[in-house]
Amino acid sequence: MPEETHRYINSAFCDGMATTVTAAHHFIWRHLYASIQAAQTPASKLRFVTPDKESSMSTLWQEEEFEQICSRESLTEKAANIEKTISVKKHERERYNFDPTMFYQNRFWNRRPDGIVISKNHRTLYILEFKRSSDRNNDFLRVKEDEANEQHRSIIDALRAAAPE
């Protein structure tokens, strides 16, 4: 993205705007999350696990409800195999002093979806991700949905493999 363009300046890539853009993203997301939570019916039995902040997968799996979905050990095994298929970015390699034995497990357990909801009726875990986008392109919804699916592919695929019910 070319610097000094409106698109660049209005993004979190611009150092001068990163804090403001990120704060706006979090403010809007918290409002949407609270609205979704308030709109649920009592019969839905949804539990909004991350109402006020993102939580890493590691933090989430310390809760009993998540252990009932599948064990941490099983999820770790499945996740490591999936994480190996996802390319390692240069900044990740440098930051984690790349040790292949632990890197893939750590990358998985440090993933932080914007929100998590558990359906107690259907034993289903929903990953919520809020993406900002311009609606100037006709396919902006598909592009952002693809981004979110790729961002959380290892979580989704590992859960499907470890807890197939």
N, C-alpha and C. Protein backbone atom coordinates (compact mmCIF):
# COMPACT_ATOMS: atom_id res chain seq x y z
N MET A 1 0.86 -1.17 0.00
CA MET A 1 0.00 0.00 0.00
C MET A 1 0.91 1.24 0.00
N PRO A 2 0.76 2.13 -0.98
CA PRO A 2 1.63 3.30 -1.05
C PRO A 2 1.45 4.23 0.16
N GLU A 3 2.59 4.68 0.72
CA GLU A 3 2.52 5.60 1.85
C GLU A 3 1.97 6.95 1.40
N GLU A 4 1.49 7.71 2.35
CA GLU A 4 0.94 9.04 2.14
C GLU A 4 -0.31 9.05 1.26
N THR A 5 -0.99 7.92 1.17
CA THR A 5 -2.29 7.89 0.51
C THR A 5 -3.35 7.84 1.61
N HIS A 6 -4.57 8.21 1.25
CA HIS A 6 -5.65 8.18 2.25
C HIS A 6 -5.81 6.78 2.82
N ARG A 7 -5.73 5.77 1.94
CA ARG A 7 -5.91 4.38 2.39
C ARG A 7 -4.83 4.00 3.41
N TYR A 8 -3.59 4.41 3.17
CA TYR A 8 -2.50 4.08 4.09
C TYR A 8 -2.66 4.82 5.41
N ILE A 9 -2.93 6.12 5.34
CA ILE A 9 -3.04 6.94 6.55
C ILE A 9 -4.22 6.48 7.41
N ASN A 10 -5.28 5.97 6.78
CA ASN A 10 -6.47 5.53 7.50
C ASN A 10 -6.34 4.08 7.99
N SER A 11 -5.15 3.53 7.96
CA SER A 11 -4.96 2.14 8.37
C SER A 11 -4.07 2.07 9.60
N ALA A 12 -4.03 0.90 10.20
CA ALA A 12 -3.16 0.69 11.36
C ALA A 12 -1.70 0.56 10.94
N PHE A 13 -1.42 0.52 9.62
CA PHE A 13 -0.03 0.43 9.15
C PHE A 13 0.68 1.77 9.30
N CYS A 14 -0.07 2.86 9.34
CA CYS A 14 0.51 4.18 9.49
C CYS A 14 0.82 4.40 10.97
N ASP A 15 2.10 4.59 11.30
CA ASP A 15 2.49 4.73 12.70
C ASP A 15 1.74 5.85 13.42
N GLY A 16 1.47 6.94 12.71
CA GLY A 16 0.78 8.07 13.33
C GLY A 16 -0.68 7.79 13.64
N MET A 17 -1.26 6.81 12.98
CA MET A 17 -2.68 6.52 13.17
C MET A 17 -2.94 5.17 13.85
N ALA A 18 -1.94 4.37 14.03
CA ALA A 18 -2.13 3.00 14.53
C ALA A 18 -2.90 2.97 15.84
N THR A 19 -2.54 3.80 16.80
CA THR A 19 -3.20 3.79 18.10
C THR A 19 -4.66 4.19 17.97
N THR A 20 -4.94 5.23 17.19
CA THR A 20 -6.31 5.71 17.01
C THR A 20 -7.16 4.69 16.27
N VAL A 21 -6.63 4.13 15.20
CA VAL A 21 -7.37 3.14 14.42
C VAL A 21 -7.66 1.90 15.27
N THR A 22 -6.68 1.46 16.02
CA THR A 22 -6.86 0.28 16.89
C THR A 22 -7.88 0.57 17.98
N ALA A 23 -7.82 1.75 18.59
CA ALA A 23 -8.79 2.11 19.63
C ALA A 23 -10.21 2.16 19.06
N ALA A 24 -10.37 2.72 17.87
CA ALA A 24 -11.69 2.78 17.23
C ALA A 24 -12.19 1.37 16.93
N HIS A 25 -11.32 0.52 16.44
CA HIS A 25 -11.68 -0.89 16.16
C HIS A 25 -12.19 -1.56 17.43
N HIS A 26 -11.46 -1.42 18.52
CA HIS A 26 -11.86 -2.06 19.78
C HIS A 26 -13.15 -1.48 20.35
N PHE A 27 -13.33 -0.17 20.22
CA PHE A 27 -14.55 0.47 20.72
C PHE A 27 -15.78 -0.06 19.96
N ILE A 28 -15.68 -0.08 18.64
CA ILE A 28 -16.80 -0.55 17.82
C ILE A 28 -17.05 -2.03 18.09
N TRP A 29 -15.98 -2.82 18.18
CA TRP A 29 -16.14 -4.25 18.43
C TRP A 29 -16.83 -4.51 19.77
N ARG A 30 -16.43 -3.82 20.82
CA ARG A 30 -17.06 -4.03 22.14
C ARG A 30 -18.56 -3.69 22.09
N HIS A 31 -18.91 -2.63 21.36
CA HIS A 31 -20.32 -2.26 21.22
C HIS A 31 -21.09 -3.36 20.46
N LEU A 32 -20.54 -3.83 19.34
CA LEU A 32 -21.19 -4.90 18.58
C LEU A 32 -21.33 -6.17 19.41
N TYR A 33 -20.29 -6.52 20.11
CA TYR A 33 -20.28 -7.74 20.94
C TYR A 33 -21.36 -7.65 22.02
N ALA A 34 -21.44 -6.50 22.68
CA ALA A 34 -22.46 -6.31 23.73
C ALA A 34 -23.87 -6.36 23.12
N SER A 35 -24.03 -5.80 21.93
CA SER A 35 -25.34 -5.83 21.27
C SER A 35 -25.75 -7.24 20.89
N ILE A 36 -24.81 -8.03 20.39
CA ILE A 36 -25.10 -9.43 20.06
C ILE A 36 -25.47 -10.19 21.32
N GLN A 37 -24.73 -9.97 22.37
CA GLN A 37 -24.99 -10.64 23.65
C GLN A 37 -26.37 -10.26 24.19
N ALA A 38 -26.72 -9.00 24.12
CA ALA A 38 -28.01 -8.53 24.64
C ALA A 38 -29.18 -9.06 23.81
N ALA A 39 -28.96 -9.36 22.55
CA ALA A 39 -30.04 -9.80 21.67
C ALA A 39 -30.35 -11.30 21.76
N GLN A 40 -29.54 -12.04 22.47
CA GLN A 40 -29.79 -13.49 22.52
C GLN A 40 -31.04 -13.80 23.34
N THR A 41 -31.64 -14.90 23.01
CA THR A 41 -32.82 -15.36 23.76
C THR A 41 -32.37 -16.30 24.87
N PRO A 42 -33.14 -16.41 25.95
CA PRO A 42 -32.76 -17.33 27.04
C PRO A 42 -32.63 -18.78 26.56
N ALA A 43 -33.42 -19.16 25.59
CA ALA A 43 -33.38 -20.54 25.09
C ALA A 43 -32.09 -20.85 24.33
N SER A 44 -31.39 -19.83 23.86
CA SER A 44 -30.20 -20.07 23.05
C SER A 44 -29.04 -20.64 23.87
N LYS A 45 -28.99 -20.34 25.15
CA LYS A 45 -27.94 -20.84 26.05
C LYS A 45 -26.54 -20.58 25.49
N LEU A 46 -26.33 -19.36 25.03
CA LEU A 46 -25.02 -18.96 24.55
C LEU A 46 -24.24 -18.34 25.71
N ARG A 47 -22.98 -18.68 25.80
CA ARG A 47 -22.12 -18.07 26.80
C ARG A 47 -21.06 -17.27 26.08
N PHE A 48 -21.09 -15.95 26.29
CA PHE A 48 -20.11 -15.06 25.67
C PHE A 48 -18.88 -15.04 26.57
N VAL A 49 -17.85 -15.68 26.12
CA VAL A 49 -16.69 -15.96 26.96
C VAL A 49 -15.75 -14.77 27.09
N THR A 50 -15.66 -13.95 26.07
CA THR A 50 -14.68 -12.86 26.05
C THR A 50 -15.36 -11.50 25.91
N PRO A 51 -16.19 -11.10 26.88
CA PRO A 51 -16.97 -9.87 26.70
C PRO A 51 -16.16 -8.58 26.75
N ASP A 52 -15.06 -8.55 27.46
CA ASP A 52 -14.37 -7.28 27.63
C ASP A 52 -12.98 -7.23 27.02
N LYS A 53 -12.44 -8.38 26.62
CA LYS A 53 -11.11 -8.36 26.00
C LYS A 53 -10.86 -9.67 25.28
N GLU A 54 -9.89 -9.61 24.37
CA GLU A 54 -9.47 -10.83 23.70
C GLU A 54 -8.75 -11.71 24.70
N SER A 55 -8.83 -13.01 24.50
CA SER A 55 -8.08 -13.96 25.33
C SER A 55 -7.36 -14.92 24.42
N SER A 56 -6.16 -15.30 24.82
CA SER A 56 -5.41 -16.27 24.02
C SER A 56 -6.07 -17.64 24.16
N MET A 57 -5.80 -18.49 23.21
CA MET A 57 -6.33 -19.86 23.27
C MET A 57 -5.84 -20.54 24.56
N SER A 58 -4.64 -20.25 24.97
CA SER A 58 -4.10 -20.85 26.19
C SER A 58 -4.93 -20.45 27.41
N THR A 59 -5.27 -19.19 27.52
CA THR A 59 -6.09 -18.71 28.64
C THR A 59 -7.48 -19.33 28.58
N LEU A 60 -8.06 -19.40 27.40
CA LEU A 60 -9.39 -19.97 27.25
C LEU A 60 -9.43 -21.44 27.68
N TRP A 61 -8.40 -22.19 27.33
CA TRP A 61 -8.41 -23.63 27.62
C TRP A 61 -8.13 -23.94 29.08
N GLN A 62 -7.94 -22.93 29.90
CA GLN A 62 -7.82 -23.14 31.35
C GLN A 62 -9.20 -23.23 31.99
N GLU A 63 -10.24 -22.85 31.23
CA GLU A 63 -11.61 -22.93 31.76
C GLU A 63 -12.18 -24.32 31.54
N GLU A 64 -12.94 -24.77 32.48
CA GLU A 64 -13.50 -26.13 32.46
C GLU A 64 -14.35 -26.40 31.22
N GLU A 65 -15.14 -25.42 30.80
CA GLU A 65 -16.01 -25.61 29.64
C GLU A 65 -15.23 -26.00 28.39
N PHE A 66 -14.06 -25.44 28.24
CA PHE A 66 -13.26 -25.74 27.05
C PHE A 66 -12.67 -27.14 27.13
N GLU A 67 -12.25 -27.54 28.31
CA GLU A 67 -11.74 -28.90 28.50
C GLU A 67 -12.81 -29.94 28.18
N GLN A 68 -14.09 -29.58 28.36
CA GLN A 68 -15.18 -30.50 28.03
C GLN A 68 -15.33 -30.67 26.52
N ILE A 69 -14.89 -29.69 25.76
CA ILE A 69 -14.95 -29.79 24.30
C ILE A 69 -13.91 -30.79 23.81
N CYS A 70 -12.69 -30.63 24.29
CA CYS A 70 -11.61 -31.59 24.02
C CYS A 70 -10.45 -31.25 24.94
N SER A 71 -9.59 -32.22 25.16
CA SER A 71 -8.47 -32.01 26.08
C SER A 71 -7.42 -31.09 25.45
N ARG A 72 -6.69 -30.41 26.30
CA ARG A 72 -5.61 -29.55 25.85
C ARG A 72 -4.56 -30.36 25.08
N GLU A 73 -4.28 -31.55 25.57
CA GLU A 73 -3.27 -32.39 24.93
C GLU A 73 -3.68 -32.77 23.50
N SER A 74 -4.94 -33.17 23.35
CA SER A 74 -5.44 -33.55 22.03
C SER A 74 -5.42 -32.36 21.08
N LEU A 75 -5.85 -31.22 21.57
CA LEU A 75 -5.87 -30.02 20.74
C LEU A 75 -4.45 -29.58 20.38
N THR A 76 -3.52 -29.70 21.31
CA THR A 76 -2.12 -29.34 21.05
C THR A 76 -1.55 -30.19 19.92
N GLU A 77 -1.81 -31.48 19.98
CA GLU A 77 -1.31 -32.40 18.95
C GLU A 77 -1.86 -32.05 17.58
N LYS A 78 -3.16 -31.87 17.49
CA LYS A 78 -3.80 -31.56 16.20
C LYS A 78 -3.36 -30.19 15.70
N ALA A 79 -3.28 -29.22 16.61
CA ALA A 79 -2.92 -27.85 16.22
C ALA A 79 -1.49 -27.78 15.69
N ALA A 80 -0.56 -28.48 16.33
CA ALA A 80 0.84 -28.44 15.89
C ALA A 80 0.95 -28.93 14.45
N ASN A 81 0.24 -29.99 14.11
CA ASN A 81 0.28 -30.52 12.74
C ASN A 81 -0.29 -29.51 11.74
N ILE A 82 -1.33 -28.80 12.13
CA ILE A 82 -1.95 -27.81 11.23
C ILE A 82 -1.07 -26.57 11.13
N GLU A 83 -0.54 -26.13 12.27
CA GLU A 83 0.32 -24.93 12.27
C GLU A 83 1.55 -25.13 11.37
N LYS A 84 2.04 -26.35 11.25
CA LYS A 84 3.20 -26.62 10.40
C LYS A 84 2.92 -26.33 8.94
N THR A 85 1.64 -26.33 8.56
CA THR A 85 1.29 -26.08 7.16
C THR A 85 1.13 -24.58 6.87
N ILE A 86 1.21 -23.75 7.90
CA ILE A 86 1.04 -22.30 7.76
C ILE A 86 2.43 -21.67 7.76
N SER A 87 2.70 -20.83 6.78
CA SER A 87 4.04 -20.25 6.67
C SER A 87 4.40 -19.42 7.91
N VAL A 88 5.69 -19.40 8.19
CA VAL A 88 6.22 -18.64 9.32
C VAL A 88 6.72 -17.31 8.79
N LYS A 89 6.16 -16.24 9.32
CA LYS A 89 6.57 -14.90 8.88
C LYS A 89 7.92 -14.55 9.50
N LYS A 90 8.65 -13.68 8.84
CA LYS A 90 9.99 -13.31 9.29
C LYS A 90 9.96 -12.77 10.72
N HIS A 91 9.00 -11.89 11.04
CA HIS A 91 8.96 -11.31 12.38
C HIS A 91 8.67 -12.38 13.44
N GLU A 92 7.91 -13.42 13.07
CA GLU A 92 7.65 -14.52 14.01
C GLU A 92 8.92 -15.32 14.26
N ARG A 93 9.64 -15.59 13.20
CA ARG A 93 10.88 -16.36 13.30
C ARG A 93 11.87 -15.65 14.21
N GLU A 94 11.98 -14.34 14.05
CA GLU A 94 12.92 -13.55 14.85
C GLU A 94 12.44 -13.43 16.31
N ARG A 95 11.16 -13.15 16.49
CA ARG A 95 10.63 -12.92 17.83
C ARG A 95 10.71 -14.16 18.71
N TYR A 96 10.47 -15.33 18.13
CA TYR A 96 10.40 -16.55 18.92
C TYR A 96 11.70 -17.36 18.89
N ASN A 97 12.78 -16.77 18.33
CA ASN A 97 14.05 -17.49 18.28
C ASN A 97 13.78 -18.91 17.77
N PHE A 98 13.32 -19.00 16.59
CA PHE A 98 12.68 -20.17 15.98
C PHE A 98 13.22 -21.51 16.45
N ASP A 99 12.40 -22.18 17.24
CA ASP A 99 12.64 -23.55 17.71
C ASP A 99 11.44 -24.36 17.21
N PRO A 100 11.63 -25.15 16.14
CA PRO A 100 10.48 -25.84 15.54
C PRO A 100 9.72 -26.72 16.52
N THR A 101 10.39 -27.25 17.52
CA THR A 101 9.71 -28.14 18.45
C THR A 101 8.58 -27.44 19.19
N MET A 102 8.81 -26.22 19.64
CA MET A 102 7.82 -25.50 20.44
C MET A 102 7.09 -24.40 19.67
N PHE A 103 7.68 -23.93 18.59
CA PHE A 103 7.12 -22.78 17.89
C PHE A 103 5.66 -22.97 17.50
N TYR A 104 5.34 -24.08 16.85
CA TYR A 104 3.99 -24.27 16.32
C TYR A 104 2.96 -24.39 17.44
N GLN A 105 3.32 -25.06 18.50
CA GLN A 105 2.40 -25.14 19.65
C GLN A 105 2.19 -23.77 20.26
N ASN A 106 3.28 -23.03 20.46
CA ASN A 106 3.18 -21.70 21.06
C ASN A 106 2.37 -20.74 20.17
N ARG A 107 2.60 -20.81 18.87
CA ARG A 107 1.86 -19.91 17.97
C ARG A 107 0.37 -20.20 18.07
N PHE A 108 0.00 -21.49 18.12
CA PHE A 108 -1.42 -21.83 18.26
C PHE A 108 -1.98 -21.30 19.57
N TRP A 109 -1.34 -21.61 20.69
CA TRP A 109 -1.88 -21.24 22.01
C TRP A 109 -1.86 -19.73 22.25
N ASN A 110 -1.09 -18.99 21.45
CA ASN A 110 -1.06 -17.53 21.58
C ASN A 110 -2.05 -16.84 20.64
N ARG A 111 -2.74 -17.58 19.81
CA ARG A 111 -3.74 -16.97 18.92
C ARG A 111 -4.86 -16.35 19.77
N ARG A 112 -5.37 -15.19 19.30
CA ARG A 112 -6.35 -14.42 20.08
C ARG A 112 -7.52 -13.97 19.19
N PRO A 113 -8.55 -14.79 19.06
CA PRO A 113 -9.72 -14.32 18.31
C PRO A 113 -10.36 -13.13 19.03
N ASP A 114 -11.06 -12.29 18.28
CA ASP A 114 -11.74 -11.14 18.90
C ASP A 114 -12.78 -11.57 19.92
N GLY A 115 -13.47 -12.66 19.65
CA GLY A 115 -14.50 -13.11 20.57
C GLY A 115 -14.74 -14.61 20.44
N ILE A 116 -15.22 -15.19 21.52
CA ILE A 116 -15.57 -16.61 21.55
C ILE A 116 -16.94 -16.74 22.22
N VAL A 117 -17.80 -17.55 21.61
CA VAL A 117 -19.11 -17.83 22.16
C VAL A 117 -19.28 -19.35 22.17
N ILE A 118 -19.79 -19.87 23.28
CA ILE A 118 -20.07 -21.30 23.37
C ILE A 118 -21.57 -21.50 23.39
N SER A 119 -22.05 -22.41 22.54
CA SER A 119 -23.45 -22.81 22.57
C SER A 119 -23.54 -24.09 23.40
N LYS A 120 -24.15 -23.98 24.56
CA LYS A 120 -24.27 -25.15 25.43
C LYS A 120 -25.27 -26.16 24.87
N ASN A 121 -26.24 -25.69 24.08
CA ASN A 121 -27.23 -26.60 23.49
C ASN A 121 -26.60 -27.52 22.45
N HIS A 122 -25.69 -26.97 21.65
CA HIS A 122 -25.18 -27.73 20.51
C HIS A 122 -23.70 -28.09 20.65
N ARG A 123 -23.12 -27.83 21.82
CA ARG A 123 -21.68 -28.06 22.02
C ARG A 123 -20.88 -27.50 20.85
N THR A 124 -21.17 -26.25 20.56
CA THR A 124 -20.52 -25.56 19.44
C THR A 124 -19.77 -24.35 19.96
N LEU A 125 -18.60 -24.14 19.40
CA LEU A 125 -17.80 -22.97 19.74
C LEU A 125 -17.78 -22.05 18.52
N TYR A 126 -18.15 -20.79 18.72
CA TYR A 126 -18.16 -19.81 17.64
C TYR A 126 -16.99 -18.86 17.83
N ILE A 127 -16.23 -18.66 16.77
CA ILE A 127 -15.14 -17.70 16.78
C ILE A 127 -15.64 -16.44 16.10
N LEU A 128 -15.59 -15.34 16.81
CA LEU A 128 -16.05 -14.06 16.26
C LEU A 128 -14.83 -13.21 15.92
N GLU A 129 -14.85 -12.64 14.74
CA GLU A 129 -13.74 -11.79 14.31
C GLU A 129 -14.31 -10.55 13.65
N PHE A 130 -13.88 -9.39 14.10
CA PHE A 130 -14.35 -8.12 13.58
C PHE A 130 -13.28 -7.56 12.66
N LYS A 131 -13.64 -7.36 11.39
CA LYS A 131 -12.72 -6.83 10.40
C LYS A 131 -13.22 -5.48 9.91
N ARG A 132 -12.32 -4.52 9.87
CA ARG A 132 -12.67 -3.23 9.28
C ARG A 132 -12.43 -3.33 7.78
N SER A 133 -13.25 -2.62 7.02
CA SER A 133 -13.06 -2.66 5.58
C SER A 133 -13.75 -1.47 4.92
N SER A 134 -13.26 -1.13 3.79
CA SER A 134 -13.95 -0.16 2.96
C SER A 134 -14.96 -0.93 2.12
N ASP A 135 -16.12 -0.35 1.91
CA ASP A 135 -17.13 -1.04 1.10
C ASP A 135 -17.09 -0.55 -0.35
N ARG A 136 -15.99 0.07 -0.77
CA ARG A 136 -15.89 0.57 -2.14
C ARG A 136 -15.75 -0.58 -3.15
N ASN A 137 -15.20 -1.69 -2.73
CA ASN A 137 -15.07 -2.84 -3.64
C ASN A 137 -16.28 -3.74 -3.47
N ASN A 138 -16.79 -4.26 -4.57
CA ASN A 138 -17.98 -5.10 -4.52
C ASN A 138 -17.78 -6.37 -3.71
N ASP A 139 -16.56 -6.88 -3.67
CA ASP A 139 -16.31 -8.15 -3.00
C ASP A 139 -15.69 -7.99 -1.61
N PHE A 140 -15.89 -6.81 -0.98
CA PHE A 140 -15.24 -6.56 0.31
C PHE A 140 -15.65 -7.57 1.37
N LEU A 141 -16.91 -8.02 1.37
CA LEU A 141 -17.34 -9.00 2.38
C LEU A 141 -16.62 -10.33 2.20
N ARG A 142 -16.53 -10.78 0.96
CA ARG A 142 -15.85 -12.05 0.68
C ARG A 142 -14.37 -11.96 1.05
N VAL A 143 -13.74 -10.85 0.72
CA VAL A 143 -12.32 -10.67 1.02
C VAL A 143 -12.08 -10.72 2.52
N LYS A 144 -12.88 -10.01 3.30
CA LYS A 144 -12.69 -9.99 4.75
C LYS A 144 -13.05 -11.32 5.39
N GLU A 145 -14.07 -11.99 4.86
CA GLU A 145 -14.42 -13.31 5.38
C GLU A 145 -13.28 -14.30 5.11
N ASP A 146 -12.71 -14.23 3.93
CA ASP A 146 -11.57 -15.10 3.59
C ASP A 146 -10.39 -14.81 4.52
N GLU A 147 -10.13 -13.53 4.80
CA GLU A 147 -9.05 -13.16 5.71
C GLU A 147 -9.27 -13.75 7.10
N ALA A 148 -10.48 -13.61 7.61
CA ALA A 148 -10.79 -14.12 8.95
C ALA A 148 -10.70 -15.65 8.98
N ASN A 149 -11.19 -16.31 7.95
CA ASN A 149 -11.11 -17.77 7.91
C ASN A 149 -9.65 -18.24 7.88
N GLU A 150 -8.83 -17.55 7.10
CA GLU A 150 -7.41 -17.92 7.05
C GLU A 150 -6.73 -17.61 8.39
N GLN A 151 -7.07 -16.48 8.99
CA GLN A 151 -6.49 -16.09 10.27
C GLN A 151 -6.76 -17.14 11.35
N HIS A 152 -7.94 -17.74 11.32
CA HIS A 152 -8.33 -18.69 12.37
C HIS A 152 -8.41 -20.13 11.87
N ARG A 153 -7.82 -20.38 10.72
CA ARG A 153 -7.86 -21.73 10.14
C ARG A 153 -7.31 -22.78 11.08
N SER A 154 -6.21 -22.49 11.75
CA SER A 154 -5.63 -23.52 12.62
C SER A 154 -6.54 -23.82 13.81
N ILE A 155 -7.20 -22.81 14.35
CA ILE A 155 -8.13 -23.04 15.46
C ILE A 155 -9.30 -23.89 14.99
N ILE A 156 -9.90 -23.51 13.88
CA ILE A 156 -11.07 -24.21 13.35
C ILE A 156 -10.71 -25.65 13.00
N ASP A 157 -9.64 -25.85 12.25
CA ASP A 157 -9.27 -27.19 11.82
C ASP A 157 -8.82 -28.07 12.99
N ALA A 158 -8.10 -27.49 13.93
CA ALA A 158 -7.65 -28.28 15.09
C ALA A 158 -8.84 -28.71 15.94
N LEU A 159 -9.80 -27.81 16.15
CA LEU A 159 -10.99 -28.17 16.92
C LEU A 159 -11.81 -29.24 16.21
N ARG A 160 -11.94 -29.12 14.91
CA ARG A 160 -12.68 -30.14 14.14
C ARG A 160 -12.00 -31.51 14.27
N ALA A 161 -10.67 -31.52 14.27
CA ALA A 161 -9.94 -32.78 14.35
C ALA A 161 -9.95 -33.36 15.77
N ALA A 162 -9.83 -32.47 16.77
CA ALA A 162 -9.74 -32.94 18.17
C ALA A 162 -11.09 -33.21 18.80
N ALA A 163 -12.12 -32.53 18.32
CA ALA A 163 -13.47 -32.69 18.90
C ALA A 163 -14.48 -32.85 17.76
N PRO A 164 -14.46 -33.98 17.08
CA PRO A 164 -15.28 -34.12 15.88
C PRO A 164 -16.78 -34.17 16.08
N GLU A 165 -17.28 -34.24 17.30
CA GLU A 165 -18.73 -34.34 17.55
C GLU A 165 -19.46 -33.13 17.05
